[in-house]
Amino acid sequence: MEPPAGVVVATVIAQPVTAGPQPDRLCYVQVSAGESYTYLLRSDGKVDRSSGKGKVSHRLAPDEWPKVTYTNAASGFSASYMIRSDGLLDRYTSATKCDLIRCPDGARYVAASCSDTQAYVLRDDGVVDRFRSRTDIIPMPCPDGAKYVAVSAGINASYLIRDDGKIDRTQGSGKVSKVV
């Protein structure tokens, strides 16, 4: 995949890679590959969208850029989610159709992961919001006084990592089916 002009892609072989901006260099810091599109988060807070063969077809940014930037990208089948530096969420259903979603209760969105039919979006208060559409959102508070710290959405099951070291497994409907 050839990056756009002015973008540097860093690769390290056989060593753990910590993504992050390099001083005075524009680079990719996160990637989310989906069935139809791949989203590449850049160090300047914009997101490159590729629809195949590594070619960037669109560049996405919040309307308020550079004051507000993207901090996380999650590629889904019917919708993709971009976490903003102001804690809000941009939900894309195409390269140009975007809905702005505010987190309830004054919380902020911090990370997201998508599968084919839903997305799990982590809030800074440790609750996960399960999205099936722009309006079908189910909050999933963590049980036992714990908080969720990471999410990973899958087709048959999704996993929610807790701050007490346990992992909750869900197979849909916004309900935990098993604790790992």
C-alpha atoms as a PDB file:
ATOM      1  CA  MET A   1       0.000   0.000   0.000  1.00  0.00           C
ATOM      2  CA  GLU A   2       1.410   3.356  -1.012  1.00  0.00           C
ATOM      3  CA  PRO A   3       0.686   6.055   1.567  1.00  0.00           C
ATOM      4  CA  PRO A   4      -0.400   9.497   0.404  1.00  0.00           C
ATOM      5  CA  ALA A   5       2.280  12.077  -0.270  1.00  0.00           C
ATOM      6  CA  GLY A   6       3.747  13.480   2.931  1.00  0.00           C
ATOM      7  CA  VAL A   7       2.792  10.471   5.096  1.00  0.00           C
ATOM      8  CA  VAL A   8       5.549   8.295   6.578  1.00  0.00           C
ATOM      9  CA  VAL A   9       4.798   4.677   7.488  1.00  0.00           C
ATOM     10  CA  ALA A  10       7.171   3.182  10.057  1.00  0.00           C
ATOM     11  CA  THR A  11       7.666  -0.600  10.229  1.00  0.00           C
ATOM     12  CA  VAL A  12       9.598  -2.529  12.864  1.00  0.00           C
ATOM     13  CA  ILE A  13      10.158  -6.247  12.374  1.00  0.00           C
ATOM     14  CA  ALA A  14      10.289  -8.780  15.252  1.00  0.00           C
ATOM     15  CA  GLN A  15       9.881  -6.118  17.930  1.00  0.00           C
ATOM     16  CA  PRO A  16       6.828  -4.722  19.694  1.00  0.00           C
ATOM     17  CA  VAL A  17       5.659  -1.542  17.999  1.00  0.00           C
ATOM     18  CA  THR A  18       4.314   1.399  19.947  1.00  0.00           C
ATOM     19  CA  ALA A  19       2.440   3.661  17.574  1.00  0.00           C
ATOM     20  CA  GLY A  20       2.627   7.349  18.086  1.00  0.00           C
ATOM     21  CA  PRO A  21       3.443  10.601  16.430  1.00  0.00           C
ATOM     22  CA  GLN A  22       7.018  11.284  15.472  1.00  0.00           C
ATOM     23  CA  PRO A  23       8.242  14.841  15.994  1.00  0.00           C
ATOM     24  CA  ASP A  24       7.837  16.907  12.817  1.00  0.00           C
ATOM     25  CA  ARG A  25       6.725  13.856  10.789  1.00  0.00           C
ATOM     26  CA  LEU A  26       3.266  12.881   9.693  1.00  0.00           C
ATOM     27  CA  CYS A  27       2.701   9.151  10.223  1.00  0.00           C
ATOM     28  CA  TYR A  28       0.003   6.556  10.796  1.00  0.00           C
ATOM     29  CA  VAL A  29      -0.659   5.734  14.459  1.00  0.00           C
ATOM     30  CA  GLN A  30      -3.583   3.254  14.301  1.00  0.00           C
ATOM     31  CA  VAL A  31      -5.345   1.103  11.710  1.00  0.00           C
ATOM     32  CA  SER A  32      -8.745  -0.592  11.645  1.00  0.00           C
ATOM     33  CA  ALA A  33      -9.382  -3.005   8.775  1.00  0.00           C
ATOM     34  CA  GLY A  34     -12.965  -3.896   7.947  1.00  0.00           C
ATOM     35  CA  GLU A  35     -14.734  -6.026   5.372  1.00  0.00           C
ATOM     36  CA  SER A  36     -15.270  -3.112   2.983  1.00  0.00           C
ATOM     37  CA  TYR A  37     -12.995  -0.298   4.168  1.00  0.00           C
ATOM     38  CA  THR A  38      -9.802   0.292   6.092  1.00  0.00           C
ATOM     39  CA  TYR A  39      -9.349   3.374   8.247  1.00  0.00           C
ATOM     40  CA  LEU A  40      -5.844   4.696   8.938  1.00  0.00           C
ATOM     41  CA  LEU A  41      -5.507   7.188  11.791  1.00  0.00           C
ATOM     42  CA  ARG A  42      -2.828   9.794  11.158  1.00  0.00           C
ATOM     43  CA  SER A  43      -0.702  11.640  13.702  1.00  0.00           C
ATOM     44  CA  ASP A  44      -2.417  14.916  12.737  1.00  0.00           C
ATOM     45  CA  GLY A  45      -5.795  13.534  13.853  1.00  0.00           C
ATOM     46  CA  LYS A  46      -7.233  12.943  10.388  1.00  0.00           C
ATOM     47  CA  VAL A  47      -8.269   9.519   9.096  1.00  0.00           C
ATOM     48  CA  ASP A  48      -7.497   8.109   5.651  1.00  0.00           C
ATOM     49  CA  ARG A  49     -10.172   5.767   4.230  1.00  0.00           C
ATOM     50  CA  SER A  50      -9.125   3.052   1.807  1.00  0.00           C
ATOM     51  CA  SER A  51     -11.642   1.059  -0.191  1.00  0.00           C
ATOM     52  CA  GLY A  52      -9.128  -1.401  -1.575  1.00  0.00           C
ATOM     53  CA  LYS A  53      -5.653  -2.120  -2.843  1.00  0.00           C
ATOM     54  CA  GLY A  54      -4.178   0.350  -0.353  1.00  0.00           C
ATOM     55  CA  LYS A  55      -5.452   3.368  -2.250  1.00  0.00           C
ATOM     56  CA  VAL A  56      -6.705   6.202  -0.072  1.00  0.00           C
ATOM     57  CA  SER A  57     -10.100   7.247  -1.401  1.00  0.00           C
ATOM     58  CA  HIS A  58     -11.122   9.800   1.237  1.00  0.00           C
ATOM     59  CA  ARG A  59      -9.603  11.823   4.056  1.00  0.00           C
ATOM     60  CA  LEU A  60     -11.869  12.332   7.072  1.00  0.00           C
ATOM     61  CA  ALA A  61     -11.596  14.978   9.778  1.00  0.00           C
ATOM     62  CA  PRO A  62     -13.964  16.522  12.309  1.00  0.00           C
ATOM     63  CA  ASP A  63     -15.537  19.782  11.143  1.00  0.00           C
ATOM     64  CA  GLU A  64     -13.615  21.561  13.922  1.00  0.00           C
ATOM     65  CA  TRP A  65     -10.193  20.204  12.848  1.00  0.00           C
ATOM     66  CA  PRO A  66      -7.454  21.018  13.892  1.00  0.00           C
ATOM     67  CA  LYS A  67      -8.967  22.082  17.230  1.00  0.00           C
ATOM     68  CA  VAL A  68     -10.713  18.680  17.427  1.00  0.00           C
ATOM     69  CA  THR A  69      -8.970  15.574  16.077  1.00  0.00           C
ATOM     70  CA  TYR A  70      -9.690  11.867  15.740  1.00  0.00           C
ATOM     71  CA  THR A  71      -8.041   9.651  18.377  1.00  0.00           C
ATOM     72  CA  ASN A  72      -9.427   6.198  17.440  1.00  0.00           C
ATOM     73  CA  ALA A  73     -10.984   4.593  14.343  1.00  0.00           C
ATOM     74  CA  ALA A  74     -13.152   1.457  14.115  1.00  0.00           C
ATOM     75  CA  SER A  75     -14.172   0.019  10.755  1.00  0.00           C
ATOM     76  CA  GLY A  76     -17.569  -1.684  10.618  1.00  0.00           C
ATOM     77  CA  PHE A  77     -19.685  -3.239   7.878  1.00  0.00           C
ATOM     78  CA  SER A  78     -22.668  -0.868   7.883  1.00  0.00           C
ATOM     79  CA  ALA A  79     -21.144   1.930   9.974  1.00  0.00           C
ATOM     80  CA  SER A  80     -17.705   2.978  11.154  1.00  0.00           C
ATOM     81  CA  TYR A  81     -16.891   4.980  14.272  1.00  0.00           C
ATOM     82  CA  MET A  82     -14.304   7.704  14.873  1.00  0.00           C
ATOM     83  CA  ILE A  83     -13.589   8.823  18.432  1.00  0.00           C
ATOM     84  CA  ARG A  84     -12.932  12.547  18.678  1.00  0.00           C
ATOM     85  CA  SER A  85     -10.527  14.344  21.026  1.00  0.00           C
ATOM     86  CA  ASP A  86     -13.508  16.167  22.583  1.00  0.00           C
ATOM     87  CA  GLY A  87     -15.029  12.816  23.651  1.00  0.00           C
ATOM     88  CA  LEU A  88     -17.773  12.835  21.030  1.00  0.00           C
ATOM     89  CA  LEU A  89     -18.283  10.183  18.354  1.00  0.00           C
ATOM     90  CA  ASP A  90     -18.572  10.493  14.588  1.00  0.00           C
ATOM     91  CA  ARG A  91     -20.572   7.607  13.073  1.00  0.00           C
ATOM     92  CA  TYR A  92     -19.939   7.240   9.345  1.00  0.00           C
ATOM     93  CA  THR A  93     -22.311   5.278   7.105  1.00  0.00           C
ATOM     94  CA  SER A  94     -20.433   6.398   3.976  1.00  0.00           C
ATOM     95  CA  ALA A  95     -17.385   8.490   3.207  1.00  0.00           C
ATOM     96  CA  THR A  96     -19.486  11.640   3.433  1.00  0.00           C
ATOM     97  CA  LYS A  97     -22.499  10.813   5.674  1.00  0.00           C
ATOM     98  CA  CYS A  98     -21.600  11.347   9.308  1.00  0.00           C
ATOM     99  CA  ASP A  99     -23.723  11.568  12.457  1.00  0.00           C
ATOM    100  CA  LEU A 100     -22.326  13.274  15.562  1.00  0.00           C
ATOM    101  CA  ILE A 101     -23.195  11.350  18.734  1.00  0.00           C
ATOM    102  CA  ARG A 102     -22.811  12.719  22.254  1.00  0.00           C
ATOM    103  CA  CYS A 103     -22.018  10.360  25.091  1.00  0.00           C
ATOM    104  CA  PRO A 104     -24.756  10.259  27.753  1.00  0.00           C
ATOM    105  CA  ASP A 105     -24.333  11.428  31.334  1.00  0.00           C
ATOM    106  CA  GLY A 106     -21.435  13.772  30.554  1.00  0.00           C
ATOM    107  CA  ALA A 107     -19.046  10.877  29.897  1.00  0.00           C
ATOM    108  CA  ARG A 108     -16.586  10.827  26.974  1.00  0.00           C
ATOM    109  CA  TYR A 109     -16.029   8.150  24.356  1.00  0.00           C
ATOM    110  CA  VAL A 110     -12.444   6.837  24.337  1.00  0.00           C
ATOM    111  CA  ALA A 111     -12.264   3.714  22.105  1.00  0.00           C
ATOM    112  CA  ALA A 112     -14.368   1.632  19.726  1.00  0.00           C
ATOM    113  CA  SER A 113     -14.423  -1.743  17.993  1.00  0.00           C
ATOM    114  CA  CYS A 114     -16.858  -2.911  15.293  1.00  0.00           C
ATOM    115  CA  SER A 115     -18.115  -6.177  13.872  1.00  0.00           C
ATOM    116  CA  ASP A 116     -20.606  -6.807  11.101  1.00  0.00           C
ATOM    117  CA  THR A 117     -23.794  -5.901  12.987  1.00  0.00           C
ATOM    118  CA  GLN A 118     -22.742  -3.875  16.022  1.00  0.00           C
ATOM    119  CA  ALA A 119     -20.100  -1.690  17.562  1.00  0.00           C
ATOM    120  CA  TYR A 120     -18.872  -1.545  21.145  1.00  0.00           C
ATOM    121  CA  VAL A 121     -17.782   1.918  22.230  1.00  0.00           C
ATOM    122  CA  LEU A 122     -15.900   2.420  25.501  1.00  0.00           C
ATOM    123  CA  ARG A 123     -16.667   5.426  27.686  1.00  0.00           C
ATOM    124  CA  ASP A 124     -14.252   7.058  30.144  1.00  0.00           C
ATOM    125  CA  ASP A 125     -16.568   6.080  33.025  1.00  0.00           C
ATOM    126  CA  GLY A 126     -15.938   2.366  32.307  1.00  0.00           C
ATOM    127  CA  VAL A 127     -19.313   1.692  30.674  1.00  0.00           C
ATOM    128  CA  VAL A 128     -19.543   0.238  27.153  1.00  0.00           C
ATOM    129  CA  ASP A 129     -22.243   1.433  24.755  1.00  0.00           C
ATOM    130  CA  ARG A 130     -23.370  -1.224  22.256  1.00  0.00           C
ATOM    131  CA  PHE A 131     -24.475   0.367  18.981  1.00  0.00           C
ATOM    132  CA  ARG A 132     -26.736  -1.418  16.484  1.00  0.00           C
ATOM    133  CA  SER A 133     -27.709   1.841  14.774  1.00  0.00           C
ATOM    134  CA  ARG A 134     -27.536   5.586  15.335  1.00  0.00           C
ATOM    135  CA  THR A 135     -30.398   5.360  17.844  1.00  0.00           C
ATOM    136  CA  ASP A 136     -30.296   1.708  19.028  1.00  0.00           C
ATOM    137  CA  ILE A 137     -27.696   2.093  21.783  1.00  0.00           C
ATOM    138  CA  ILE A 138     -27.551  -0.200  24.809  1.00  0.00           C
ATOM    139  CA  PRO A 139     -25.349   0.862  27.762  1.00  0.00           C
ATOM    140  CA  MET A 140     -23.493  -2.081  29.310  1.00  0.00           C
ATOM    141  CA  PRO A 141     -22.203  -1.186  32.778  1.00  0.00           C
ATOM    142  CA  CYS A 142     -19.547  -3.486  34.146  1.00  0.00           C
ATOM    143  CA  PRO A 143     -20.734  -5.718  37.016  1.00  0.00           C
ATOM    144  CA  ASP A 144     -19.251  -6.015  40.516  1.00  0.00           C
ATOM    145  CA  GLY A 145     -18.111  -2.378  40.698  1.00  0.00           C
ATOM    146  CA  ALA A 146     -15.448  -2.950  38.041  1.00  0.00           C
ATOM    147  CA  LYS A 147     -14.958  -0.829  34.911  1.00  0.00           C
ATOM    148  CA  TYR A 148     -14.372  -1.806  31.320  1.00  0.00           C
ATOM    149  CA  VAL A 149     -10.984  -0.721  29.939  1.00  0.00           C
ATOM    150  CA  ALA A 150     -10.949  -2.195  26.402  1.00  0.00           C
ATOM    151  CA  VAL A 151     -13.322  -3.666  23.815  1.00  0.00           C
ATOM    152  CA  SER A 152     -12.977  -6.088  20.901  1.00  0.00           C
ATOM    153  CA  ALA A 153     -15.980  -6.772  18.668  1.00  0.00           C
ATOM    154  CA  GLY A 154     -16.318 -10.003  16.703  1.00  0.00           C
ATOM    155  CA  ILE A 155     -18.902 -11.633  14.469  1.00  0.00           C
ATOM    156  CA  ASN A 156     -19.856 -14.516  16.782  1.00  0.00           C
ATOM    157  CA  ALA A 157     -18.709 -13.064  20.089  1.00  0.00           C
ATOM    158  CA  SER A 158     -17.292  -9.837  21.456  1.00  0.00           C
ATOM    159  CA  TYR A 159     -15.037  -9.321  24.459  1.00  0.00           C
ATOM    160  CA  LEU A 160     -14.991  -6.574  27.066  1.00  0.00           C
ATOM    161  CA  ILE A 161     -11.871  -6.337  29.235  1.00  0.00           C
ATOM    162  CA  ARG A 162     -12.388  -5.302  32.858  1.00  0.00           C
ATOM    163  CA  ASP A 163     -10.053  -3.427  35.196  1.00  0.00           C
ATOM    164  CA  ASP A 164     -10.182  -6.381  37.631  1.00  0.00           C
ATOM    165  CA  GLY A 165      -8.462  -8.649  35.085  1.00  0.00           C
ATOM    166  CA  LYS A 166     -11.567 -10.525  33.971  1.00  0.00           C
ATOM    167  CA  ILE A 167     -12.966 -10.562  30.451  1.00  0.00           C
ATOM    168  CA  ASP A 168     -16.697 -10.500  29.733  1.00  0.00           C
ATOM    169  CA  ARG A 169     -17.868 -12.364  26.639  1.00  0.00           C
ATOM    170  CA  THR A 170     -21.056 -11.335  24.874  1.00  0.00           C
ATOM    171  CA  GLN A 171     -22.812 -13.067  22.011  1.00  0.00           C
ATOM    172  CA  GLY A 172     -25.208 -10.203  21.311  1.00  0.00           C
ATOM    173  CA  SER A 173     -28.269  -8.510  22.770  1.00  0.00           C
ATOM    174  CA  GLY A 174     -26.041  -6.420  25.043  1.00  0.00           C
ATOM    175  CA  LYS A 175     -25.822  -9.215  27.614  1.00  0.00           C
ATOM    176  CA  VAL A 176     -22.728 -10.881  29.050  1.00  0.00           C
ATOM    177  CA  SER A 177     -22.917 -14.634  28.434  1.00  0.00           C
ATOM    178  CA  LYS A 178     -19.657 -15.700  30.074  1.00  0.00           C
ATOM    179  CA  VAL A 179     -16.836 -14.349  32.235  1.00  0.00           C
ATOM    180  CA  VAL A 180     -13.372 -15.528  31.225  1.00  0.00           C
END
